[in-house]
PDB file of N, CA and C in Angstrom:
ATOM      1  N   MET A   1       6.285  -7.258  -8.173  1.00  0.00           N
ATOM      2  CA  MET A   1       5.076  -6.534  -7.865  1.00  0.00           C
ATOM      3  C   MET A   1       4.571  -6.877  -6.465  1.00  0.00           C
ATOM      4  N   GLU A   2       4.839  -8.097  -6.010  1.00  0.00           N
ATOM      5  CA  GLU A   2       4.374  -8.485  -4.690  1.00  0.00           C
ATOM      6  C   GLU A   2       5.057  -7.628  -3.646  1.00  0.00           C
ATOM      7  N   GLY A   3       4.279  -7.167  -2.663  1.00  0.00           N
ATOM      8  CA  GLY A   3       4.817  -6.289  -1.649  1.00  0.00           C
ATOM      9  C   GLY A   3       4.742  -4.830  -2.029  1.00  0.00           C
ATOM     10  N   ASP A   4       4.480  -4.544  -3.296  1.00  0.00           N
ATOM     11  CA  ASP A   4       4.319  -3.165  -3.725  1.00  0.00           C
ATOM     12  C   ASP A   4       3.012  -2.628  -3.157  1.00  0.00           C
ATOM     13  N   THR A   5       2.954  -1.313  -2.994  1.00  0.00           N
ATOM     14  CA  THR A   5       1.710  -0.686  -2.585  1.00  0.00           C
ATOM     15  C   THR A   5       1.376   0.397  -3.574  1.00  0.00           C
ATOM     16  N   TYR A   6       0.092   0.644  -3.724  1.00  0.00           N
ATOM     17  CA  TYR A   6      -0.384   1.657  -4.658  1.00  0.00           C
ATOM     18  C   TYR A   6      -1.264   2.617  -3.896  1.00  0.00           C
ATOM     19  N   SER A   7      -0.993   3.901  -4.042  1.00  0.00           N
ATOM     20  CA  SER A   7      -1.750   4.919  -3.341  1.00  0.00           C
ATOM     21  C   SER A   7      -2.621   5.674  -4.338  1.00  0.00           C
ATOM     22  N   GLY A   8      -3.464   4.942  -5.042  1.00  0.00           N
ATOM     23  CA  GLY A   8      -4.260   5.541  -6.093  1.00  0.00           C
ATOM     24  C   GLY A   8      -5.626   6.013  -5.639  1.00  0.00           C
ATOM     25  N   LEU A   9      -5.963   5.839  -4.377  1.00  0.00           N
ATOM     26  CA  LEU A   9      -7.275   6.246  -3.892  1.00  0.00           C
ATOM     27  C   LEU A   9      -7.193   7.654  -3.327  1.00  0.00           C
ATOM     28  N   ASP A  10      -8.301   8.387  -3.405  1.00  0.00           N
ATOM     29  CA  ASP A  10      -8.333   9.786  -2.995  1.00  0.00           C
ATOM     30  C   ASP A  10      -7.923   9.998  -1.543  1.00  0.00           C
ATOM     31  N   ASN A  11      -8.267   9.057  -0.665  1.00  0.00           N
ATOM     32  CA  ASN A  11      -7.974   9.256   0.747  1.00  0.00           C
ATOM     33  C   ASN A  11      -6.569   8.801   1.129  1.00  0.00           C
ATOM     34  N   GLY A  12      -5.744   8.429   0.135  1.00  0.00           N
ATOM     35  CA  GLY A  12      -4.370   8.052   0.406  1.00  0.00           C
ATOM     36  C   GLY A  12      -4.210   6.611   0.844  1.00  0.00           C
ATOM     37  N   THR A  13      -5.273   5.841   0.878  1.00  0.00           N
ATOM     38  CA  THR A  13      -5.202   4.446   1.269  1.00  0.00           C
ATOM     39  C   THR A  13      -4.359   3.683   0.263  1.00  0.00           C
ATOM     40  N   GLN A  14      -3.526   2.794   0.759  1.00  0.00           N
ATOM     41  CA  GLN A  14      -2.651   2.051  -0.123  1.00  0.00           C
ATOM     42  C   GLN A  14      -3.194   0.644  -0.336  1.00  0.00           C
ATOM     43  N   LEU A  15      -3.091   0.167  -1.568  1.00  0.00           N
ATOM     44  CA  LEU A  15      -3.493  -1.193  -1.894  1.00  0.00           C
ATOM     45  C   LEU A  15      -2.258  -2.050  -2.048  1.00  0.00           C
ATOM     46  N   ASP A  16      -2.298  -3.240  -1.499  1.00  0.00           N
ATOM     47  CA  ASP A  16      -1.223  -4.197  -1.628  1.00  0.00           C
ATOM     48  C   ASP A  16      -1.127  -4.654  -3.082  1.00  0.00           C
ATOM     49  N   GLY A  17       0.078  -4.915  -3.552  1.00  0.00           N
ATOM     50  CA  GLY A  17       0.285  -5.367  -4.922  1.00  0.00           C
ATOM     51  C   GLY A  17      -0.489  -6.632  -5.244  1.00  0.00           C
ATOM     52  N   LYS A  18      -0.643  -7.508  -4.250  1.00  0.00           N
ATOM     53  CA  LYS A  18      -1.395  -8.747  -4.461  1.00  0.00           C
ATOM     54  C   LYS A  18      -2.860  -8.442  -4.753  1.00  0.00           C
ATOM     55  N   VAL A  19      -3.424  -7.465  -4.065  1.00  0.00           N
ATOM     56  CA  VAL A  19      -4.817  -7.066  -4.300  1.00  0.00           C
ATOM     57  C   VAL A  19      -4.954  -6.497  -5.712  1.00  0.00           C
ATOM     58  N   VAL A  20      -3.997  -5.696  -6.129  1.00  0.00           N
ATOM     59  CA  VAL A  20      -4.024  -5.117  -7.473  1.00  0.00           C
ATOM     60  C   VAL A  20      -3.959  -6.228  -8.518  1.00  0.00           C
ATOM     61  N   GLN A  21      -3.140  -7.241  -8.281  1.00  0.00           N
ATOM     62  CA  GLN A  21      -3.063  -8.374  -9.209  1.00  0.00           C
ATOM     63  C   GLN A  21      -4.404  -9.097  -9.304  1.00  0.00           C
ATOM     64  N   ILE A  22      -5.065  -9.284  -8.167  1.00  0.00           N
ATOM     65  CA  ILE A  22      -6.378  -9.930  -8.151  1.00  0.00           C
ATOM     66  C   ILE A  22      -7.364  -9.098  -8.962  1.00  0.00           C
ATOM     67  N   PHE A  23      -7.343  -7.787  -8.772  1.00  0.00           N
ATOM     68  CA  PHE A  23      -8.229  -6.902  -9.541  1.00  0.00           C
ATOM     69  C   PHE A  23      -7.963  -7.040 -11.032  1.00  0.00           C
ATOM     70  N   GLN A  24      -6.699  -6.969 -11.412  1.00  0.00           N
ATOM     71  CA  GLN A  24      -6.358  -7.040 -12.831  1.00  0.00           C
ATOM     72  C   GLN A  24      -6.811  -8.359 -13.441  1.00  0.00           C
ATOM     73  N   LYS A  25      -6.557  -9.454 -12.735  1.00  0.00           N
ATOM     74  CA  LYS A  25      -6.953 -10.774 -13.234  1.00  0.00           C
ATOM     75  C   LYS A  25      -8.469 -10.852 -13.384  1.00  0.00           C
ATOM     76  N   SER A  26      -9.193 -10.363 -12.391  1.00  0.00           N
ATOM     77  CA  SER A  26     -10.651 -10.415 -12.435  1.00  0.00           C
ATOM     78  C   SER A  26     -11.208  -9.543 -13.548  1.00  0.00           C
ATOM     79  N   PHE A  27     -10.635  -8.366 -13.737  1.00  0.00           N
ATOM     80  CA  PHE A  27     -11.123  -7.478 -14.792  1.00  0.00           C
ATOM     81  C   PHE A  27     -10.853  -8.063 -16.175  1.00  0.00           C
ATOM     82  N   VAL A  28      -9.748  -8.768 -16.326  1.00  0.00           N
ATOM     83  CA  VAL A  28      -9.471  -9.440 -17.600  1.00  0.00           C
ATOM     84  C   VAL A  28     -10.506 -10.535 -17.832  1.00  0.00           C
ATOM     85  N   GLN A  29     -10.824 -11.310 -16.783  1.00  0.00           N
ATOM     86  CA  GLN A  29     -11.848 -12.350 -16.913  1.00  0.00           C
ATOM     87  C   GLN A  29     -13.194 -11.745 -17.294  1.00  0.00           C
ATOM     88  N   VAL A  30     -13.559 -10.659 -16.621  1.00  0.00           N
ATOM     89  CA  VAL A  30     -14.831  -9.994 -16.917  1.00  0.00           C
ATOM     90  C   VAL A  30     -14.846  -9.520 -18.363  1.00  0.00           C
ATOM     91  N   GLN A  31     -13.760  -8.896 -18.804  1.00  0.00           N
ATOM     92  CA  GLN A  31     -13.719  -8.386 -20.176  1.00  0.00           C
ATOM     93  C   GLN A  31     -13.836  -9.511 -21.194  1.00  0.00           C
ATOM     94  N   ASN A  32     -13.180 -10.640 -20.918  1.00  0.00           N
ATOM     95  CA  ASN A  32     -13.276 -11.789 -21.823  1.00  0.00           C
ATOM     96  C   ASN A  32     -14.709 -12.311 -21.909  1.00  0.00           C
ATOM     97  N   ILE A  33     -15.385 -12.382 -20.783  1.00  0.00           N
ATOM     98  CA  ILE A  33     -16.778 -12.840 -20.771  1.00  0.00           C
ATOM     99  C   ILE A  33     -17.662 -11.848 -21.519  1.00  0.00           C
ATOM    100  N   LEU A  34     -17.447 -10.558 -21.296  1.00  0.00           N
ATOM    101  CA  LEU A  34     -18.254  -9.552 -21.992  1.00  0.00           C
ATOM    102  C   LEU A  34     -18.019  -9.589 -23.502  1.00  0.00           C
ATOM    103  N   ASP A  35     -16.791  -9.851 -23.908  1.00  0.00           N
ATOM    104  CA  ASP A  35     -16.501  -9.994 -25.337  1.00  0.00           C
ATOM    105  C   ASP A  35     -17.244 -11.199 -25.911  1.00  0.00           C
ATOM    106  N   GLN A  36     -17.230 -12.283 -25.147  1.00  0.00           N
ATOM    107  CA  GLN A  36     -17.955 -13.480 -25.578  1.00  0.00           C
ATOM    108  C   GLN A  36     -19.457 -13.201 -25.656  1.00  0.00           C
ATOM    109  N   ASN A  37     -19.973 -12.444 -24.691  1.00  0.00           N
ATOM    110  CA  ASN A  37     -21.396 -12.092 -24.690  1.00  0.00           C
ATOM    111  C   ASN A  37     -21.766 -11.268 -25.928  1.00  0.00           C
ATOM    112  N   ARG A  38     -20.877 -10.371 -26.318  1.00  0.00           N
ATOM    113  CA  ARG A  38     -21.139  -9.566 -27.516  1.00  0.00           C
ATOM    114  C   ARG A  38     -21.322 -10.472 -28.731  1.00  0.00           C
ATOM    115  N   LEU A  39     -20.441 -11.481 -28.860  1.00  0.00           N
ATOM    116  CA  LEU A  39     -20.543 -12.431 -29.972  1.00  0.00           C
ATOM    117  C   LEU A  39     -21.835 -13.247 -29.888  1.00  0.00           C
ATOM    118  N   LEU A  40     -22.180 -13.675 -28.676  1.00  0.00           N
ATOM    119  CA  LEU A  40     -23.423 -14.436 -28.494  1.00  0.00           C
ATOM    120  C   LEU A  40     -24.642 -13.597 -28.888  1.00  0.00           C
ATOM    121  N   ILE A  41     -24.661 -12.357 -28.452  1.00  0.00           N
ATOM    122  CA  ILE A  41     -25.794 -11.477 -28.757  1.00  0.00           C
ATOM    123  C   ILE A  41     -25.900 -11.257 -30.262  1.00  0.00           C
ATOM    124  N   ASN A  42     -24.770 -11.071 -30.927  1.00  0.00           N
ATOM    125  CA  ASN A  42     -24.797 -10.911 -32.382  1.00  0.00           C
ATOM    126  C   ASN A  42     -25.369 -12.148 -33.064  1.00  0.00           C
ATOM    127  N   GLU A  43     -24.933 -13.321 -32.596  1.00  0.00           N
ATOM    128  CA  GLU A  43     -25.435 -14.567 -33.195  1.00  0.00           C
ATOM    129  C   GLU A  43     -26.930 -14.746 -32.899  1.00  0.00           C
ATOM    130  N   ILE A  44     -27.338 -14.424 -31.684  1.00  0.00           N
ATOM    131  CA  ILE A  44     -28.761 -14.514 -31.323  1.00  0.00           C
ATOM    132  C   ILE A  44     -29.583 -13.599 -32.224  1.00  0.00           C
ATOM    133  N   ASN A  45     -29.112 -12.383 -32.426  1.00  0.00           N
ATOM    134  CA  ASN A  45     -29.832 -11.429 -33.290  1.00  0.00           C
ATOM    135  C   ASN A  45     -29.914 -11.933 -34.732  1.00  0.00           C
ATOM    136  N   GLN A  46     -28.810 -12.460 -35.236  1.00  0.00           N
ATOM    137  CA  GLN A  46     -28.814 -12.984 -36.611  1.00  0.00           C
ATOM    138  C   GLN A  46     -29.790 -14.146 -36.753  1.00  0.00           C
ATOM    139  N   ASN A  47     -29.771 -15.038 -35.755  1.00  0.00           N
ATOM    140  CA  ASN A  47     -30.699 -16.175 -35.789  1.00  0.00           C
ATOM    141  C   ASN A  47     -32.145 -15.708 -35.735  1.00  0.00           C
ATOM    142  N   HIS A  48     -32.391 -14.724 -34.916  1.00  0.00           N
ATOM    143  CA  HIS A  48     -33.754 -14.207 -34.775  1.00  0.00           C
ATOM    144  C   HIS A  48     -34.228 -13.570 -36.085  1.00  0.00           C
ATOM    145  N   GLU A  49     -33.349 -12.786 -36.685  1.00  0.00           N
ATOM    146  CA  GLU A  49     -33.709 -12.111 -37.937  1.00  0.00           C
ATOM    147  C   GLU A  49     -33.913 -13.097 -39.089  1.00  0.00           C
ATOM    148  N   SER A  50     -33.190 -14.230 -39.044  1.00  0.00           N
ATOM    149  CA  SER A  50     -33.320 -15.208 -40.129  1.00  0.00           C
ATOM    150  C   SER A  50     -34.677 -15.915 -40.096  1.00  0.00           C
ATOM    151  N   LYS A  51     -35.258 -16.036 -38.922  1.00  0.00           N
ATOM    152  CA  LYS A  51     -36.549 -16.705 -38.712  1.00  0.00           C
ATOM    153  C   LYS A  51     -36.561 -18.157 -39.200  1.00  0.00           C
ATOM    154  N   ILE A  52     -35.381 -18.735 -39.326  1.00  0.00           N
ATOM    155  CA  ILE A  52     -35.259 -20.151 -39.680  1.00  0.00           C
ATOM    156  C   ILE A  52     -35.470 -20.962 -38.402  1.00  0.00           C
ATOM    157  N   PRO A  53     -36.393 -21.926 -38.422  1.00  0.00           N
ATOM    158  CA  PRO A  53     -36.711 -22.687 -37.199  1.00  0.00           C
ATOM    159  C   PRO A  53     -35.492 -23.268 -36.477  1.00  0.00           C
ATOM    160  N   ASP A  54     -34.544 -23.852 -37.203  1.00  0.00           N
ATOM    161  CA  ASP A  54     -33.352 -24.410 -36.543  1.00  0.00           C
ATOM    162  C   ASP A  54     -32.536 -23.328 -35.836  1.00  0.00           C
ATOM    163  N   ASN A  55     -32.413 -22.180 -36.481  1.00  0.00           N
ATOM    164  CA  ASN A  55     -31.675 -21.067 -35.874  1.00  0.00           C
ATOM    165  C   ASN A  55     -32.393 -20.540 -34.636  1.00  0.00           C
ATOM    166  N   LEU A  56     -33.720 -20.455 -34.711  1.00  0.00           N
ATOM    167  CA  LEU A  56     -34.499 -19.974 -33.566  1.00  0.00           C
ATOM    168  C   LEU A  56     -34.391 -20.944 -32.387  1.00  0.00           C
ATOM    169  N   SER A  57     -34.399 -22.237 -32.670  1.00  0.00           N
ATOM    170  CA  SER A  57     -34.270 -23.203 -31.576  1.00  0.00           C
ATOM    171  C   SER A  57     -32.854 -23.187 -30.999  1.00  0.00           C
ATOM    172  N   ARG A  58     -31.881 -22.894 -31.849  1.00  0.00           N
ATOM    173  CA  ARG A  58     -30.489 -22.766 -31.364  1.00  0.00           C
ATOM    174  C   ARG A  58     -30.364 -21.594 -30.388  1.00  0.00           C
ATOM    175  N   ASN A  59     -31.185 -20.581 -30.580  1.00  0.00           N
ATOM    176  CA  ASN A  59     -31.130 -19.413 -29.689  1.00  0.00           C
ATOM    177  C   ASN A  59     -31.406 -19.775 -28.235  1.00  0.00           C
ATOM    178  N   VAL A  60     -32.198 -20.804 -27.999  1.00  0.00           N
ATOM    179  CA  VAL A  60     -32.498 -21.215 -26.624  1.00  0.00           C
ATOM    180  C   VAL A  60     -31.191 -21.518 -25.879  1.00  0.00           C
ATOM    181  N   GLY A  61     -30.329 -22.315 -26.498  1.00  0.00           N
ATOM    182  CA  GLY A  61     -29.047 -22.651 -25.876  1.00  0.00           C
ATOM    183  C   GLY A  61     -28.124 -21.444 -25.766  1.00  0.00           C
ATOM    184  N   LEU A  62     -28.145 -20.599 -26.794  1.00  0.00           N
ATOM    185  CA  LEU A  62     -27.296 -19.402 -26.768  1.00  0.00           C
ATOM    186  C   LEU A  62     -27.720 -18.444 -25.659  1.00  0.00           C
ATOM    187  N   ILE A  63     -29.024 -18.304 -25.477  1.00  0.00           N
ATOM    188  CA  ILE A  63     -29.524 -17.416 -24.414  1.00  0.00           C
ATOM    189  C   ILE A  63     -29.190 -17.984 -23.044  1.00  0.00           C
ATOM    190  N   ARG A  64     -29.248 -19.302 -22.893  1.00  0.00           N
ATOM    191  CA  ARG A  64     -28.838 -19.929 -21.620  1.00  0.00           C
ATOM    192  C   ARG A  64     -27.364 -19.650 -21.344  1.00  0.00           C
ATOM    193  N   GLU A  65     -26.543 -19.797 -22.390  1.00  0.00           N
ATOM    194  CA  GLU A  65     -25.110 -19.519 -22.235  1.00  0.00           C
ATOM    195  C   GLU A  65     -24.885 -18.052 -21.859  1.00  0.00           C
ATOM    196  N   LEU A  66     -25.618 -17.154 -22.486  1.00  0.00           N
ATOM    197  CA  LEU A  66     -25.527 -15.730 -22.183  1.00  0.00           C
ATOM    198  C   LEU A  66     -25.903 -15.462 -20.721  1.00  0.00           C
ATOM    199  N   ASN A  67     -26.992 -16.080 -20.269  1.00  0.00           N
ATOM    200  CA  ASN A  67     -27.412 -15.907 -18.871  1.00  0.00           C
ATOM    201  C   ASN A  67     -26.365 -16.435 -17.898  1.00  0.00           C
ATOM    202  N   ASN A  68     -25.777 -17.580 -18.213  1.00  0.00           N
ATOM    203  CA  ASN A  68     -24.722 -18.129 -17.349  1.00  0.00           C
ATOM    204  C   ASN A  68     -23.512 -17.197 -17.307  1.00  0.00           C
ATOM    205  N   ASN A  69     -23.173 -16.623 -18.461  1.00  0.00           N
ATOM    206  CA  ASN A  69     -22.054 -15.677 -18.496  1.00  0.00           C
ATOM    207  C   ASN A  69     -22.338 -14.444 -17.646  1.00  0.00           C
ATOM    208  N   ILE A  70     -23.571 -13.979 -17.697  1.00  0.00           N
ATOM    209  CA  ILE A  70     -23.942 -12.814 -16.889  1.00  0.00           C
ATOM    210  C   ILE A  70     -23.819 -13.153 -15.405  1.00  0.00           C
ATOM    211  N   ARG A  71     -24.239 -14.358 -15.024  1.00  0.00           N
ATOM    212  CA  ARG A  71     -24.084 -14.789 -13.626  1.00  0.00           C
ATOM    213  C   ARG A  71     -22.609 -14.813 -13.226  1.00  0.00           C
ATOM    214  N   ARG A  72     -21.754 -15.291 -14.130  1.00  0.00           N
ATOM    215  CA  ARG A  72     -20.318 -15.332 -13.840  1.00  0.00           C
ATOM    216  C   ARG A  72     -19.763 -13.924 -13.624  1.00  0.00           C
ATOM    217  N   VAL A  73     -20.196 -12.972 -14.451  1.00  0.00           N
ATOM    218  CA  VAL A  73     -19.733 -11.582 -14.294  1.00  0.00           C
ATOM    219  C   VAL A  73     -20.191 -11.030 -12.947  1.00  0.00           C
ATOM    220  N   VAL A  74     -21.444 -11.285 -12.583  1.00  0.00           N
ATOM    221  CA  VAL A  74     -21.960 -10.813 -11.294  1.00  0.00           C
ATOM    222  C   VAL A  74     -21.137 -11.422 -10.160  1.00  0.00           C
ATOM    223  N   ASP A  75     -20.840 -12.718 -10.246  1.00  0.00           N
ATOM    224  CA  ASP A  75     -20.033 -13.374  -9.205  1.00  0.00           C
ATOM    225  C   ASP A  75     -18.627 -12.776  -9.126  1.00  0.00           C
ATOM    226  N   LEU A  76     -18.024 -12.508 -10.283  1.00  0.00           N
ATOM    227  CA  LEU A  76     -16.687 -11.907 -10.280  1.00  0.00           C
ATOM    228  C   LEU A  76     -16.708 -10.527  -9.627  1.00  0.00           C
ATOM    229  N   TYR A  77     -17.719  -9.727  -9.944  1.00  0.00           N
ATOM    230  CA  TYR A  77     -17.821  -8.408  -9.319  1.00  0.00           C
ATOM    231  C   TYR A  77     -18.086  -8.512  -7.816  1.00  0.00           C
ATOM    232  N   ALA A  78     -18.876  -9.489  -7.412  1.00  0.00           N
ATOM    233  CA  ALA A  78     -19.116  -9.694  -5.974  1.00  0.00           C
ATOM    234  C   ALA A  78     -17.814 -10.060  -5.273  1.00  0.00           C
ATOM    235  N   ASP A  79     -17.023 -10.943  -5.893  1.00  0.00           N
ATOM    236  CA  ASP A  79     -15.727 -11.314  -5.316  1.00  0.00           C
ATOM    237  C   ASP A  79     -14.788 -10.112  -5.247  1.00  0.00           C
ATOM    238  N   LEU A  80     -14.800  -9.299  -6.301  1.00  0.00           N
ATOM    239  CA  LEU A  80     -13.973  -8.090  -6.301  1.00  0.00           C
ATOM    240  C   LEU A  80     -14.381  -7.146  -5.173  1.00  0.00           C
ATOM    241  N   SER A  81     -15.675  -6.984  -4.991  1.00  0.00           N
ATOM    242  CA  SER A  81     -16.173  -6.108  -3.936  1.00  0.00           C
ATOM    243  C   SER A  81     -15.730  -6.605  -2.567  1.00  0.00           C
ATOM    244  N   SER A  82     -15.842  -7.901  -2.367  1.00  0.00           N
ATOM    245  CA  SER A  82     -15.422  -8.492  -1.102  1.00  0.00           C
ATOM    246  C   SER A  82     -13.918  -8.323  -0.877  1.00  0.00           C
ATOM    247  N   THR A  83     -13.135  -8.586  -1.908  1.00  0.00           N
ATOM    248  CA  THR A  83     -11.681  -8.436  -1.808  1.00  0.00           C
ATOM    249  C   THR A  83     -11.314  -6.990  -1.487  1.00  0.00           C
ATOM    250  N   PHE A  84     -11.976  -6.057  -2.175  1.00  0.00           N
ATOM    251  CA  PHE A  84     -11.692  -4.645  -1.946  1.00  0.00           C
ATOM    252  C   PHE A  84     -12.048  -4.248  -0.517  1.00  0.00           C
ATOM    253  N   SER A  85     -13.222  -4.686  -0.040  1.00  0.00           N
ATOM    254  CA  SER A  85     -13.640  -4.353   1.326  1.00  0.00           C
ATOM    255  C   SER A  85     -12.665  -4.908   2.350  1.00  0.00           C
ATOM    256  N   LYS A  86     -12.259  -6.156   2.152  1.00  0.00           N
ATOM    257  CA  LYS A  86     -11.308  -6.769   3.088  1.00  0.00           C
ATOM    258  C   LYS A  86      -9.973  -6.034   3.067  1.00  0.00           C
ATOM    259  N   SER A  87      -9.522  -5.625   1.884  1.00  0.00           N
ATOM    260  CA  SER A  87      -8.241  -4.924   1.807  1.00  0.00           C
ATOM    261  C   SER A  87      -8.338  -3.561   2.483  1.00  0.00           C
ATOM    262  N   MET A  88      -9.495  -2.909   2.378  1.00  0.00           N
ATOM    263  CA  MET A  88      -9.684  -1.617   3.035  1.00  0.00           C
ATOM    264  C   MET A  88      -9.749  -1.787   4.550  1.00  0.00           C
ATOM    265  N   ASP A  89     -10.414  -2.855   5.016  1.00  0.00           N
ATOM    266  CA  ASP A  89     -10.468  -3.125   6.452  1.00  0.00           C
ATOM    267  C   ASP A  89      -9.070  -3.384   6.993  1.00  0.00           C
ATOM    268  N   THR A  90      -8.299  -4.190   6.286  1.00  0.00           N
ATOM    269  CA  THR A  90      -6.927  -4.505   6.694  1.00  0.00           C
ATOM    270  C   THR A  90      -6.084  -3.238   6.697  1.00  0.00           C
ATOM    271  N   SER A  91      -6.235  -2.429   5.659  1.00  0.00           N
ATOM    272  CA  SER A  91      -5.474  -1.191   5.562  1.00  0.00           C
ATOM    273  C   SER A  91      -5.819  -0.250   6.713  1.00  0.00           C
ATOM    274  N   SER A  92      -7.100  -0.136   7.043  1.00  0.00           N
ATOM    275  CA  SER A  92      -7.530   0.729   8.138  1.00  0.00           C
ATOM    276  C   SER A  92      -6.986   0.239   9.469  1.00  0.00           C
ATOM    277  N   GLU A  93      -6.996  -1.099   9.665  1.00  0.00           N
ATOM    278  CA  GLU A  93      -6.461  -1.655  10.903  1.00  0.00           C
ATOM    279  C   GLU A  93      -4.963  -1.388  11.009  1.00  0.00           C
ATOM    280  N   GLU A  94      -4.250  -1.498   9.886  1.00  0.00           N
ATOM    281  CA  GLU A  94      -2.813  -1.235   9.895  1.00  0.00           C
ATOM    282  C   GLU A  94      -2.541   0.235  10.192  1.00  0.00           C
ATOM    283  N   ASP A  95      -3.334   1.141   9.608  1.00  0.00           N
ATOM    284  CA  ASP A  95      -3.168   2.570   9.862  1.00  0.00           C
ATOM    285  C   ASP A  95      -3.395   2.879  11.339  1.00  0.00           C
ATOM    286  N   LEU A  96      -4.428   2.261  11.934  1.00  0.00           N
ATOM    287  CA  LEU A  96      -4.730   2.475  13.345  1.00  0.00           C
ATOM    288  C   LEU A  96      -3.596   1.943  14.210  1.00  0.00           C
ATOM    289  N   SER A  97      -3.075   0.765  13.851  1.00  0.00           N
ATOM    290  CA  SER A  97      -1.985   0.166  14.612  1.00  0.00           C
ATOM    291  C   SER A  97      -0.751   1.057  14.582  1.00  0.00           C
ATOM    292  N   VAL A  98      -0.404   1.598  13.430  1.00  0.00           N
ATOM    293  CA  VAL A  98       0.754   2.494  13.301  1.00  0.00           C
ATOM    294  C   VAL A  98       0.526   3.755  14.118  1.00  0.00           C
ATOM    295  N   ALA A  99      -0.671   4.315  14.060  1.00  0.00           N
ATOM    296  CA  ALA A  99      -0.976   5.536  14.817  1.00  0.00           C
ATOM    297  C   ALA A  99      -0.879   5.285  16.314  1.00  0.00           C
ATOM    298  N   MET A 100      -1.374   4.116  16.751  1.00  0.00           N
ATOM    299  CA  MET A 100      -1.329   3.800  18.184  1.00  0.00           C
ATOM    300  C   MET A 100       0.114   3.626  18.644  1.00  0.00           C
ATOM    301  N   ARG A 101       0.947   2.981  17.821  1.00  0.00           N
ATOM    302  CA  ARG A 101       2.348   2.801  18.197  1.00  0.00           C
ATOM    303  C   ARG A 101       3.070   4.142  18.279  1.00  0.00           C
ATOM    304  N   SER A 102       2.791   5.036  17.330  1.00  0.00           N
ATOM    305  CA  SER A 102       3.478   6.328  17.349  1.00  0.00           C
ATOM    306  C   SER A 102       2.999   7.166  18.525  1.00  0.00           C
ATOM    307  N   ASP A 103       1.705   7.070  18.873  1.00  0.00           N
ATOM    308  CA  ASP A 103       1.203   7.779  20.053  1.00  0.00           C
ATOM    309  C   ASP A 103       1.815   7.208  21.321  1.00  0.00           C
ATOM    310  N   ALA A 104       1.971   5.889  21.387  1.00  0.00           N
ATOM    311  CA  ALA A 104       2.543   5.254  22.578  1.00  0.00           C
ATOM    312  C   ALA A 104       3.997   5.679  22.754  1.00  0.00           C
ATOM    313  N   LYS A 105       4.728   5.799  21.647  1.00  0.00           N
ATOM    314  CA  LYS A 105       6.118   6.240  21.732  1.00  0.00           C
ATOM    315  C   LYS A 105       6.197   7.669  22.225  1.00  0.00           C
ATOM    316  N   ALA A 106       5.221   8.462  21.895  1.00  0.00           N
ATOM    317  CA  ALA A 106       5.213   9.859  22.306  1.00  0.00           C
ATOM    318  C   ALA A 106       4.643  10.017  23.712  1.00  0.00           C
ATOM    319  N   GLY A 107       4.185   8.918  24.331  1.00  0.00           N
ATOM    320  CA  GLY A 107       3.653   8.974  25.689  1.00  0.00           C
ATOM    321  C   GLY A 107       2.177   9.343  25.725  1.00  0.00           C
ATOM    322  N   HIS A 108       1.492   9.296  24.618  1.00  0.00           N
ATOM    323  CA  HIS A 108       0.066   9.594  24.544  1.00  0.00           C
ATOM    324  C   HIS A 108      -0.725   8.297  24.469  1.00  0.00           C
ATOM    325  N   LYS A 109      -1.879   8.324  25.101  1.00  0.00           N
ATOM    326  CA  LYS A 109      -2.781   7.197  24.942  1.00  0.00           C
ATOM    327  C   LYS A 109      -3.807   7.550  23.902  1.00  0.00           C
ATOM    328  N   ARG A 110      -4.124   6.604  23.090  1.00  0.00           N
ATOM    329  CA  ARG A 110      -5.139   6.797  22.052  1.00  0.00           C
ATOM    330  C   ARG A 110      -6.429   6.129  22.523  1.00  0.00           C
ATOM    331  N   ASN A 111      -7.467   6.921  22.660  1.00  0.00           N
ATOM    332  CA  ASN A 111      -8.751   6.378  23.079  1.00  0.00           C
ATOM    333  C   ASN A 111      -9.470   5.808  21.874  1.00  0.00           C
ATOM    334  N   ARG A 112      -9.895   4.567  21.985  1.00  0.00           N
ATOM    335  CA  ARG A 112     -10.624   3.923  20.911  1.00  0.00           C
ATOM    336  C   ARG A 112     -12.100   4.237  21.047  1.00  0.00           C
ATOM    337  N   PRO A 113     -12.734   4.582  19.944  1.00  0.00           N
ATOM    338  CA  PRO A 113     -14.189   4.831  20.020  1.00  0.00           C
ATOM    339  C   PRO A 113     -14.922   3.543  20.349  1.00  0.00           C
ATOM    340  N   VAL A 114     -15.999   3.683  21.090  1.00  0.00           N
ATOM    341  CA  VAL A 114     -16.770   2.503  21.531  1.00  0.00           C
ATOM    342  C   VAL A 114     -17.881   2.230  20.575  1.00  0.00           C
TER     343      VAL A 114
END
């Protein structure tokens, strides 16, 4: 898979196989955390409905764990966004470099916007 490119974006931009692997790994992590959150929320709801003091006090720790999981998901999405932006910047620079080389071979100069 390494070195593979994927042209799944509307504008024809290609993603490096390594970037796709990072996305897949991150999305699996996010899904696992969200699955865990679903279980936590169910347990929190059951404890709340039971109105048993020990269960209600246990909810404090469960809600903290839920909040930490939400922070982890936000961080994973932020990392994904950064990775995607960097891959798009790299891809755009590579496209420009290829275009400039082909123009130079044809004897044309490519004016760079200021």
